[in-house]
Amino acid sequence: MSHDSMLPRPAERCCDVLVIGGGPAGSTAATLLAEKGHRVTLLEKAHHPRFHIGESLLPANLPLFEKLGVGAEIAAIGMQKWGAEFVSPWHEHRQTFEFADAWDKSMPLAYQVRRSEFDEILIRNAARKGADVIEGCRVREVEFLPNDAGALVRAEHDDGRSETWQCRFLVDASGRDTFLGNRFKAKQRNPKHNSSALYGHFSGAQRNTGNKEGHISLFWFEHGWFWFIPLADGATSVGAVIWPTCLKTRRTPVREFFLDLIATCPALAARLKDAELVSEVDATGNFSYSCDRSHGAGYLLLGDAYAFIDPVFSSGVMLAMNSAFAGAEAVDTCLRQPDQAAQALKRFDQAVKHGPKEFSWFIYRITNPTMRDLFMSPRNYFRVREALLSVLAGDIFGKTPIWRSLLVFKAIYHLTSLANLQRTVTAWKRRKLNIRPLDEVEEAGAR
């Protein structure tokens, strides 16, 4: 970032906007900015198709696909997802939610997708719309130029070649790599949440039938929750989101530990009784974070490059793509009407913070017994059930008037928590212990 860096001058190549990362956020932003007539370069470190977790989409994604012109392509690879199923060992019944019952009845459907296929559709679309897409090219160094004149970006190709671009604006869509967040030391652990995940793909899992076949299923268990995501090719993505304190107890290989966790959840184990684990089991820890800024002079951060909380509501792709739509508008204004840049970036900042803020209230409480009770026995007083379903559908950026009903839902939650005060206090004490970073867990164990 410093002016005494080793970046060569002048740059070998030039563009208006350089996008770091070819996931949903980066590909979407590159597409929109190319359509607006800007010279866009997208640098992606991997080669598509490539594996990525996060296969479950939301109904609010579908209008974005149509705006990008990829709706039919996504439908062709997707498993139709009409709702969600919640399963709790503390309740005798299963609770199903249908997106068609949300406040806005016009978005009843989403998809479950192989991210390798989905992400490739988006990045190829960016290239078709005019972006210069370069894969196998990892950004190594960035230097911001004086007087807000843009940035120099040095990247390294797979074959070892180094190349430098000069851009007028830099978009960081590098996902959990958080390229700028790390270099600015702006990435911060979320003190209100902390979780780890293990996941793999199964064949032969028992699915629901009819329209419910593509439902995502959430199974609560003692140490967190599981996802169960059916895919169109017959595979099923299964993952455990657990407290770091649970992951710290692992004494066996990751695969064995994952299967042992599944065995502690009888309802899920029954669905996988005749299934075969057909992939490696991956693990990731301490993945709840945010950066202390979403933008600066000549740059902005999109999607996971800015913040990530938890996958419980399948909001990651929708938030990433929505931030790209907001970001593309802001960048376009900054380049064409620099006198309006400050206002444009302020609007972007509000948009990129809105989604994580609204989802996080539910995420922080999803394992709380009061929240479980409300999810498992929903009522529609003051249309609170419809408002909750709108959140589950990702319908939080439009004009759907859900906010008063959500306030009523939150009031019901707090009143119910007070009515069961001892249970509430016990649950929050346990959560406080469980969300400690692993290094604090290790220190406590050493004492």
Protein backbone atom coordinates (compact mmCIF):
# COMPACT_ATOMS: atom_id res chain seq x y z
CA MET A 1 0.00 0.00 0.00
CA SER A 2 2.93 2.34 0.52
CA HIS A 3 4.42 4.60 -2.14
CA ASP A 4 7.85 2.97 -1.79
CA SER A 5 6.52 -0.39 -2.99
CA MET A 6 8.14 -2.42 -5.74
CA LEU A 7 5.28 -1.88 -8.20
CA PRO A 8 6.64 -0.86 -11.60
CA ARG A 9 5.55 2.39 -13.24
CA PRO A 10 3.92 2.96 -15.62
CA ALA A 11 1.45 0.06 -15.50
CA GLU A 12 1.53 -2.45 -18.32
CA ARG A 13 -2.25 -2.41 -18.70
CA CYS A 14 -5.04 0.06 -17.86
CA CYS A 15 -8.73 -0.16 -17.06
CA ASP A 16 -11.45 1.90 -15.45
CA VAL A 17 -12.36 -0.67 -12.79
CA LEU A 18 -10.37 -3.64 -11.55
CA VAL A 19 -12.31 -6.31 -9.65
CA ILE A 20 -10.49 -8.72 -7.35
CA GLY A 21 -12.33 -12.04 -7.22
CA GLY A 22 -14.69 -13.93 -9.53
CA GLY A 23 -17.30 -15.17 -7.09
CA PRO A 24 -20.94 -13.99 -7.12
CA ALA A 25 -20.08 -10.48 -5.89
CA GLY A 26 -17.16 -9.88 -8.24
CA SER A 27 -18.80 -11.38 -11.33
CA THR A 28 -22.01 -9.44 -10.71
CA ALA A 29 -20.20 -6.12 -10.24
CA ALA A 30 -18.04 -6.72 -13.32
CA THR A 31 -21.12 -7.50 -15.43
CA LEU A 32 -23.02 -4.42 -14.34
CA LEU A 33 -20.08 -2.04 -14.74
CA ALA A 34 -19.23 -3.43 -18.19
CA GLU A 35 -22.85 -2.94 -19.20
CA LYS A 36 -22.54 0.69 -18.10
CA GLY A 37 -19.69 1.13 -20.57
CA HIS A 38 -16.69 0.98 -18.25
CA ARG A 39 -13.50 -0.91 -19.10
CA VAL A 40 -13.53 -3.66 -16.48
CA THR A 41 -10.85 -6.20 -15.62
CA LEU A 42 -11.72 -9.09 -13.30
CA LEU A 43 -8.84 -11.08 -11.78
CA GLU A 44 -9.71 -14.47 -10.27
CA LYS A 45 -7.04 -16.56 -8.54
CA ALA A 46 -8.67 -19.93 -9.40
CA HIS A 47 -10.01 -21.45 -12.60
CA HIS A 48 -13.75 -22.03 -13.00
CA PRO A 49 -15.41 -24.38 -12.42
CA ARG A 50 -14.09 -24.64 -8.88
CA PHE A 51 -15.61 -25.96 -5.65
CA HIS A 52 -17.26 -23.59 -3.21
CA ILE A 53 -19.60 -24.22 -0.31
CA GLY A 54 -22.86 -22.27 0.06
CA GLU A 55 -25.26 -24.02 -2.30
CA SER A 56 -28.57 -22.67 -1.02
CA LEU A 57 -30.05 -19.54 -2.60
CA LEU A 58 -32.95 -17.30 -1.59
CA PRO A 59 -36.03 -16.13 -3.50
CA ALA A 60 -34.62 -12.60 -3.41
CA ASN A 61 -31.80 -13.85 -5.65
CA LEU A 62 -34.12 -14.52 -8.58
CA PRO A 63 -34.87 -10.90 -9.58
CA LEU A 64 -31.11 -10.28 -9.55
CA PHE A 65 -30.56 -13.21 -11.93
CA GLU A 66 -33.12 -11.76 -14.32
CA LYS A 67 -31.43 -8.35 -14.26
CA LEU A 68 -28.13 -10.04 -15.12
CA GLY A 69 -29.76 -12.09 -17.88
CA VAL A 70 -28.90 -15.50 -16.39
CA GLY A 71 -32.27 -16.56 -14.96
CA ALA A 72 -32.81 -19.43 -17.40
CA GLU A 73 -29.26 -20.74 -16.97
CA ILE A 74 -29.61 -20.84 -13.17
CA ALA A 75 -33.00 -22.55 -13.40
CA ALA A 76 -31.45 -25.22 -15.65
CA ILE A 77 -28.87 -26.28 -13.03
CA GLY A 78 -30.93 -25.73 -9.88
CA MET A 79 -33.01 -27.88 -7.58
CA GLN A 80 -36.23 -26.02 -6.93
CA LYS A 81 -36.42 -24.83 -3.33
CA TRP A 82 -39.91 -23.86 -2.20
CA GLY A 83 -39.23 -23.54 1.50
CA ALA A 84 -37.34 -24.66 4.58
CA GLU A 85 -37.78 -27.32 7.25
CA PHE A 86 -36.71 -26.97 10.89
CA VAL A 87 -36.14 -30.06 13.03
CA SER A 88 -35.54 -29.87 16.77
CA PRO A 89 -34.78 -32.68 19.23
CA TRP A 90 -36.57 -30.59 21.87
CA HIS A 91 -39.85 -30.64 19.92
CA GLU A 92 -41.95 -33.59 18.77
CA HIS A 93 -42.92 -32.15 15.38
CA ARG A 94 -41.12 -30.74 12.34
CA GLN A 95 -41.88 -27.22 11.22
CA THR A 96 -42.05 -26.32 7.53
CA PHE A 97 -42.06 -22.82 6.08
CA GLU A 98 -43.13 -22.11 2.49
CA PHE A 99 -41.80 -18.97 0.79
CA ALA A 100 -45.22 -18.54 -0.86
CA ASP A 101 -46.58 -17.65 2.58
CA ALA A 102 -44.24 -14.66 2.99
CA TRP A 103 -45.54 -11.10 2.93
CA ASP A 104 -44.75 -10.70 -0.79
CA LYS A 105 -46.34 -13.68 -2.53
CA SER A 106 -44.52 -13.03 -5.81
CA MET A 107 -41.27 -14.76 -4.76
CA PRO A 108 -42.27 -18.32 -3.82
CA LEU A 109 -39.21 -20.09 -5.19
CA ALA A 110 -35.44 -20.31 -4.87
CA TYR A 111 -32.81 -22.87 -5.96
CA GLN A 112 -30.20 -25.16 -4.50
CA VAL A 113 -27.16 -25.15 -6.81
CA ARG A 114 -23.72 -26.62 -7.25
CA ARG A 115 -21.63 -23.55 -6.64
CA SER A 116 -19.05 -24.70 -9.19
CA GLU A 117 -21.76 -24.50 -11.90
CA PHE A 118 -23.47 -21.41 -10.51
CA ASP A 119 -20.31 -19.34 -10.11
CA GLU A 120 -19.13 -20.31 -13.58
CA ILE A 121 -22.40 -19.09 -15.11
CA LEU A 122 -21.93 -15.72 -13.44
CA ILE A 123 -18.28 -15.24 -14.41
CA ARG A 124 -18.87 -16.33 -18.03
CA ASN A 125 -21.74 -13.85 -18.17
CA ALA A 126 -19.37 -11.10 -17.05
CA ALA A 127 -17.06 -11.97 -19.94
CA ARG A 128 -19.95 -12.02 -22.42
CA LYS A 129 -21.04 -8.58 -21.25
CA GLY A 130 -17.58 -7.15 -21.97
CA ALA A 131 -15.47 -7.56 -18.84
CA ASP A 132 -11.89 -8.75 -19.35
CA VAL A 133 -11.96 -11.90 -17.21
CA ILE A 134 -8.56 -13.36 -16.32
CA GLU A 135 -8.46 -16.58 -14.30
CA GLY A 136 -5.48 -18.15 -12.58
CA CYS A 137 -4.24 -14.69 -11.64
CA ARG A 138 -3.74 -13.77 -7.98
CA VAL A 139 -3.45 -10.16 -6.85
CA ARG A 140 -0.28 -9.72 -4.83
CA GLU A 141 0.13 -5.99 -4.23
CA VAL A 142 -1.84 -2.78 -4.46
CA GLU A 143 -0.62 0.81 -4.34
CA PHE A 144 -3.11 3.67 -4.18
CA LEU A 145 -2.02 6.69 -6.18
CA PRO A 146 -1.95 10.25 -4.82
CA ASN A 147 -4.82 12.70 -5.35
CA ASP A 148 -7.37 9.87 -5.64
CA ALA A 149 -5.96 8.96 -9.05
CA GLY A 150 -6.76 5.28 -8.69
CA ALA A 151 -4.49 2.35 -7.96
CA LEU A 152 -1.70 0.21 -9.32
CA VAL A 153 -2.36 -3.51 -8.94
CA ARG A 154 0.28 -6.21 -9.35
CA ALA A 155 -0.93 -9.75 -9.93
CA GLU A 156 0.81 -13.05 -10.54
CA HIS A 157 -0.33 -15.59 -13.13
CA ASP A 158 -0.24 -19.34 -12.56
CA ASP A 159 2.88 -19.62 -14.71
CA GLY A 160 4.73 -17.13 -12.51
CA ARG A 161 4.39 -14.12 -14.81
CA SER A 162 3.80 -10.83 -13.03
CA GLU A 163 1.60 -8.16 -14.55
CA THR A 164 0.54 -4.68 -13.44
CA TRP A 165 -2.68 -2.79 -14.05
CA GLN A 166 -3.56 0.84 -13.41
CA CYS A 167 -7.23 1.33 -12.59
CA ARG A 168 -9.36 4.34 -11.73
CA PHE A 169 -11.33 2.35 -9.15
CA LEU A 170 -10.65 -0.90 -7.28
CA VAL A 171 -13.39 -3.34 -6.21
CA ASP A 172 -12.45 -5.95 -3.62
CA ALA A 173 -14.69 -9.00 -4.03
CA SER A 174 -12.06 -11.45 -2.81
CA GLY A 175 -14.42 -13.28 -0.45
CA ARG A 176 -12.98 -14.58 2.79
CA ASP A 177 -9.50 -13.69 1.56
CA THR A 178 -10.55 -10.09 2.36
CA PHE A 179 -7.61 -8.75 0.37
CA LEU A 180 -7.94 -5.07 1.31
CA GLY A 181 -9.39 -5.79 4.74
CA ASN A 182 -6.27 -7.73 5.70
CA ARG A 183 -3.86 -5.22 4.21
CA PHE A 184 -5.56 -2.29 5.90
CA LYS A 185 -5.79 -4.36 9.10
CA ALA A 186 -9.50 -3.54 8.91
CA LYS A 187 -10.78 -7.11 9.32
CA GLN A 188 -12.03 -7.72 12.83
CA ARG A 189 -13.40 -10.79 14.58
CA ASN A 190 -17.08 -10.44 15.35
CA PRO A 191 -17.25 -10.32 19.17
CA LYS A 192 -20.95 -11.24 19.15
CA HIS A 193 -20.65 -14.46 17.19
CA ASN A 194 -18.20 -17.25 16.53
CA SER A 195 -18.70 -20.63 14.90
CA SER A 196 -16.93 -23.35 12.99
CA ALA A 197 -18.17 -25.57 10.19
CA LEU A 198 -17.54 -29.05 8.80
CA TYR A 199 -19.19 -30.18 5.58
CA GLY A 200 -19.29 -32.81 2.86
CA HIS A 201 -21.47 -34.27 0.09
CA PHE A 202 -23.49 -37.48 0.35
CA SER A 203 -25.18 -39.67 -2.23
CA GLY A 204 -28.30 -41.68 -1.43
CA ALA A 205 -29.63 -39.38 1.32
CA GLN A 206 -33.32 -39.68 2.11
CA ARG A 207 -35.14 -36.65 0.75
CA ASN A 208 -38.58 -35.21 1.28
CA THR A 209 -41.13 -35.83 -1.46
CA GLY A 210 -43.07 -33.65 -3.86
CA ASN A 211 -42.53 -29.90 -3.68
CA LYS A 212 -40.67 -30.39 -0.41
CA GLU A 213 -37.89 -32.45 -2.04
CA GLY A 214 -35.74 -29.35 -2.53
CA HIS A 215 -36.41 -27.82 0.89
CA ILE A 216 -33.36 -26.96 2.92
CA SER A 217 -33.53 -28.72 6.28
CA LEU A 218 -32.04 -27.32 9.47
CA PHE A 219 -31.44 -29.77 12.31
CA TRP A 220 -30.67 -28.36 15.74
CA PHE A 221 -28.50 -30.45 18.04
CA GLU A 222 -26.58 -29.97 21.26
CA HIS A 223 -23.53 -28.27 19.74
CA GLY A 224 -25.19 -26.11 17.06
CA TRP A 225 -27.08 -27.04 13.92
CA PHE A 226 -26.79 -29.02 10.66
CA TRP A 227 -27.78 -28.06 7.14
CA PHE A 228 -29.19 -30.58 4.64
CA ILE A 229 -29.27 -29.23 1.06
CA PRO A 230 -30.52 -31.48 -1.79
CA LEU A 231 -28.87 -30.82 -5.17
CA ALA A 232 -30.27 -31.50 -8.64
CA ASP A 233 -27.66 -34.15 -9.52
CA GLY A 234 -28.70 -36.40 -6.62
CA ALA A 235 -26.02 -35.30 -4.17
CA THR A 236 -26.85 -33.72 -0.83
CA SER A 237 -24.71 -31.13 0.91
CA VAL A 238 -24.55 -31.68 4.66
CA GLY A 239 -22.75 -29.41 7.07
CA ALA A 240 -22.40 -28.93 10.81
CA VAL A 241 -22.11 -25.41 12.21
CA ILE A 242 -20.78 -25.79 15.73
CA TRP A 243 -19.24 -23.82 18.56
CA PRO A 244 -15.44 -23.55 18.46
CA THR A 245 -15.39 -25.19 21.89
CA CYS A 246 -16.89 -28.30 20.29
CA LEU A 247 -14.38 -28.32 17.44
CA LYS A 248 -11.60 -28.01 20.02
CA THR A 249 -12.59 -31.41 21.45
CA ARG A 250 -11.69 -33.17 18.18
CA ARG A 251 -9.24 -36.02 18.72
CA THR A 252 -10.01 -37.98 15.53
CA PRO A 253 -9.60 -37.26 11.80
CA VAL A 254 -12.01 -34.62 10.46
CA ARG A 255 -14.07 -37.18 8.51
CA GLU A 256 -14.57 -39.40 11.54
CA PHE A 257 -15.34 -36.43 13.78
CA PHE A 258 -17.97 -35.19 11.29
CA LEU A 259 -19.68 -38.59 11.10
CA ASP A 260 -19.64 -38.85 14.89
CA LEU A 261 -21.36 -35.46 15.11
CA ILE A 262 -24.06 -36.64 12.71
CA ALA A 263 -24.63 -39.68 14.91
CA THR A 264 -25.50 -37.35 17.81
CA CYS A 265 -28.43 -35.98 15.77
CA PRO A 266 -30.84 -38.93 15.35
CA ALA A 267 -33.22 -37.14 12.97
CA LEU A 268 -30.38 -36.32 10.54
CA ALA A 269 -28.69 -39.69 11.02
CA ALA A 270 -31.96 -41.35 9.93
CA ARG A 271 -31.96 -39.32 6.69
CA LEU A 272 -28.37 -40.44 6.03
CA LYS A 273 -28.77 -44.09 7.15
CA ASP A 274 -28.36 -45.47 3.62
CA ALA A 275 -26.23 -42.60 2.28
CA GLU A 276 -22.55 -42.60 1.36
CA LEU A 277 -20.13 -39.76 2.00
CA VAL A 278 -18.70 -39.14 -1.48
CA SER A 279 -16.43 -36.15 -0.85
CA GLU A 280 -13.69 -35.06 1.44
CA VAL A 281 -14.84 -33.41 4.64
CA ASP A 282 -13.71 -29.80 4.86
CA ALA A 283 -13.51 -27.76 8.04
CA THR A 284 -13.36 -24.04 8.63
CA GLY A 285 -13.21 -22.14 11.89
CA ASN A 286 -13.80 -18.71 13.36
CA PHE A 287 -15.55 -17.40 10.27
CA SER A 288 -17.63 -14.55 11.70
CA TYR A 289 -15.97 -11.20 10.98
CA SER A 290 -16.46 -7.75 9.52
CA CYS A 291 -14.21 -4.96 8.29
CA ASP A 292 -14.19 -1.56 9.94
CA ARG A 293 -14.89 0.13 6.58
CA SER A 294 -16.79 -0.74 3.42
CA HIS A 295 -15.10 1.79 1.15
CA GLY A 296 -12.47 4.48 0.85
CA ALA A 297 -10.95 6.78 -1.74
CA GLY A 298 -10.99 4.79 -4.97
CA TYR A 299 -12.08 1.43 -3.58
CA LEU A 300 -14.93 -0.52 -2.02
CA LEU A 301 -15.48 -3.98 -0.48
CA LEU A 302 -18.25 -6.34 -1.59
CA GLY A 303 -19.87 -9.40 -0.03
CA ASP A 304 -17.64 -11.58 2.12
CA ALA A 305 -14.70 -9.25 1.51
CA TYR A 306 -16.55 -6.87 3.81
CA ALA A 307 -18.30 -9.18 6.30
CA PHE A 308 -19.56 -12.69 6.96
CA ILE A 309 -21.63 -13.85 9.91
CA ASP A 310 -23.09 -17.35 9.59
CA PRO A 311 -24.67 -19.52 6.87
CA VAL A 312 -27.83 -20.36 8.85
CA PHE A 313 -30.23 -18.40 6.62
CA SER A 314 -28.41 -19.07 3.30
CA SER A 315 -27.98 -15.32 2.92
CA GLY A 316 -24.37 -15.21 1.70
CA VAL A 317 -24.90 -15.25 -2.08
CA MET A 318 -27.87 -12.88 -1.94
CA LEU A 319 -25.99 -10.37 0.24
CA ALA A 320 -22.93 -10.62 -2.00
CA MET A 321 -24.91 -10.00 -5.18
CA ASN A 322 -26.98 -7.22 -3.64
CA SER A 323 -23.81 -5.49 -2.47
CA ALA A 324 -22.53 -5.77 -6.06
CA PHE A 325 -25.62 -4.05 -7.45
CA ALA A 326 -25.27 -1.26 -4.88
CA GLY A 327 -21.51 -1.12 -5.46
CA ALA A 328 -21.81 -0.89 -9.24
CA GLU A 329 -24.11 2.12 -8.88
CA ALA A 330 -21.66 3.78 -6.50
CA VAL A 331 -18.62 3.14 -8.71
CA ASP A 332 -20.42 4.39 -11.79
CA THR A 333 -21.30 7.62 -9.98
CA CYS A 334 -17.76 8.04 -8.66
CA LEU A 335 -16.32 7.74 -12.17
CA ARG A 336 -18.89 9.80 -14.06
CA GLN A 337 -19.94 12.37 -11.43
CA PRO A 338 -17.07 12.69 -8.95
CA ASP A 339 -18.77 15.65 -7.27
CA GLN A 340 -21.48 13.18 -6.13
CA ALA A 341 -19.04 10.44 -5.04
CA ALA A 342 -19.41 11.06 -1.30
CA GLN A 343 -23.19 10.70 -1.37
CA ALA A 344 -22.98 7.64 -3.62
CA LEU A 345 -20.52 5.89 -1.32
CA LYS A 346 -22.67 6.77 1.69
CA ARG A 347 -25.67 5.09 0.05
CA PHE A 348 -23.51 2.06 -0.73
CA ASP A 349 -22.28 1.89 2.85
CA GLN A 350 -25.85 1.89 4.15
CA ALA A 351 -26.85 -0.86 1.73
CA VAL A 352 -23.89 -3.13 2.45
CA LYS A 353 -24.41 -2.84 6.21
CA HIS A 354 -28.18 -3.31 6.14
CA GLY A 355 -28.21 -7.02 5.28
CA PRO A 356 -25.73 -8.28 7.87
CA LYS A 357 -27.41 -6.10 10.52
CA GLU A 358 -30.90 -7.49 9.89
CA PHE A 359 -29.81 -11.13 9.62
CA SER A 360 -27.43 -10.97 12.57
CA TRP A 361 -30.23 -10.30 15.10
CA PHE A 362 -31.68 -13.72 14.25
CA ILE A 363 -28.32 -15.43 13.79
CA TYR A 364 -27.10 -14.49 17.27
CA ARG A 365 -30.23 -16.09 18.75
CA ILE A 366 -30.85 -19.07 16.46
CA THR A 367 -29.64 -21.64 19.02
CA ASN A 368 -31.47 -19.95 21.90
CA PRO A 369 -34.35 -22.09 23.27
CA THR A 370 -36.79 -19.18 23.06
CA MET A 371 -36.01 -18.64 19.38
CA ARG A 372 -36.33 -22.36 18.73
CA ASP A 373 -39.78 -22.33 20.34
CA LEU A 374 -40.89 -19.39 18.18
CA PHE A 375 -39.62 -21.03 14.98
CA MET A 376 -41.20 -24.36 15.84
CA SER A 377 -44.59 -22.87 16.79
CA PRO A 378 -44.98 -19.75 14.66
CA ARG A 379 -48.04 -17.53 14.98
CA ASN A 380 -49.13 -14.80 12.60
CA TYR A 381 -50.33 -12.17 15.07
CA PHE A 382 -49.76 -8.77 13.46
CA ARG A 383 -48.41 -10.68 10.44
CA VAL A 384 -45.22 -11.61 12.28
CA ARG A 385 -45.02 -15.04 10.59
CA GLU A 386 -45.23 -13.44 7.15
CA ALA A 387 -42.55 -10.92 8.11
CA LEU A 388 -40.29 -13.68 9.42
CA LEU A 389 -40.75 -15.60 6.17
CA SER A 390 -39.82 -12.48 4.25
CA VAL A 391 -36.52 -12.40 6.12
CA LEU A 392 -35.98 -16.10 5.35
CA ALA A 393 -36.66 -15.28 1.68
CA GLY A 394 -34.12 -12.43 1.73
CA ASP A 395 -36.78 -9.79 1.07
CA ILE A 396 -35.19 -7.07 3.18
CA PHE A 397 -33.99 -4.54 0.60
CA GLY A 398 -37.22 -3.64 -1.17
CA LYS A 399 -40.38 -1.86 -0.12
CA THR A 400 -42.14 -4.80 1.52
CA PRO A 401 -43.52 -3.28 4.79
CA ILE A 402 -42.27 -5.96 7.17
CA TRP A 403 -40.50 -3.82 9.73
CA ARG A 404 -43.34 -3.08 12.15
CA SER A 405 -44.24 -6.76 12.28
CA LEU A 406 -40.60 -7.69 12.87
CA LEU A 407 -40.55 -5.31 15.83
CA VAL A 408 -43.58 -7.15 17.20
CA PHE A 409 -41.76 -10.48 16.69
CA LYS A 410 -38.73 -9.16 18.57
CA ALA A 411 -40.97 -7.93 21.38
CA ILE A 412 -42.56 -11.38 21.62
CA TYR A 413 -39.09 -12.90 21.76
CA HIS A 414 -37.96 -10.62 24.59
CA LEU A 415 -41.18 -11.08 26.59
CA THR A 416 -40.99 -14.86 26.21
CA SER A 417 -37.35 -14.76 27.30
CA LEU A 418 -38.32 -12.80 30.42
CA ALA A 419 -41.10 -15.27 31.18
CA ASN A 420 -38.49 -18.04 31.14
CA LEU A 421 -35.75 -16.01 32.77
CA GLN A 422 -33.74 -18.84 34.30
CA ARG A 423 -33.65 -20.73 31.02
CA THR A 424 -32.72 -17.56 29.16
CA VAL A 425 -29.86 -16.67 31.49
CA THR A 426 -28.50 -20.23 31.37
CA ALA A 427 -28.62 -20.24 27.56
CA TRP A 428 -26.86 -16.89 27.21
CA LYS A 429 -24.14 -17.85 29.70
CA ARG A 430 -23.50 -21.01 27.72
CA ARG A 431 -23.41 -19.08 24.47
CA LYS A 432 -20.95 -16.56 25.90
CA LEU A 433 -18.60 -19.38 26.80
CA ASN A 434 -19.06 -21.12 23.47
CA ILE A 435 -18.33 -18.15 21.21
CA ARG A 436 -14.92 -17.52 22.73
CA PRO A 437 -12.09 -17.64 20.18
CA LEU A 438 -10.17 -20.90 20.17
CA ASP A 439 -7.08 -19.26 21.65
CA GLU A 440 -9.14 -18.22 24.70
CA VAL A 441 -10.54 -21.74 24.94
CA GLU A 442 -6.99 -23.11 24.91
CA GLU A 443 -5.91 -20.67 27.63
CA ALA A 444 -8.89 -21.63 29.79
CA GLY A 445 -8.06 -25.31 29.34
CA ALA A 446 -4.46 -24.71 30.41
CA ARG A 447 -5.49 -23.09 33.66
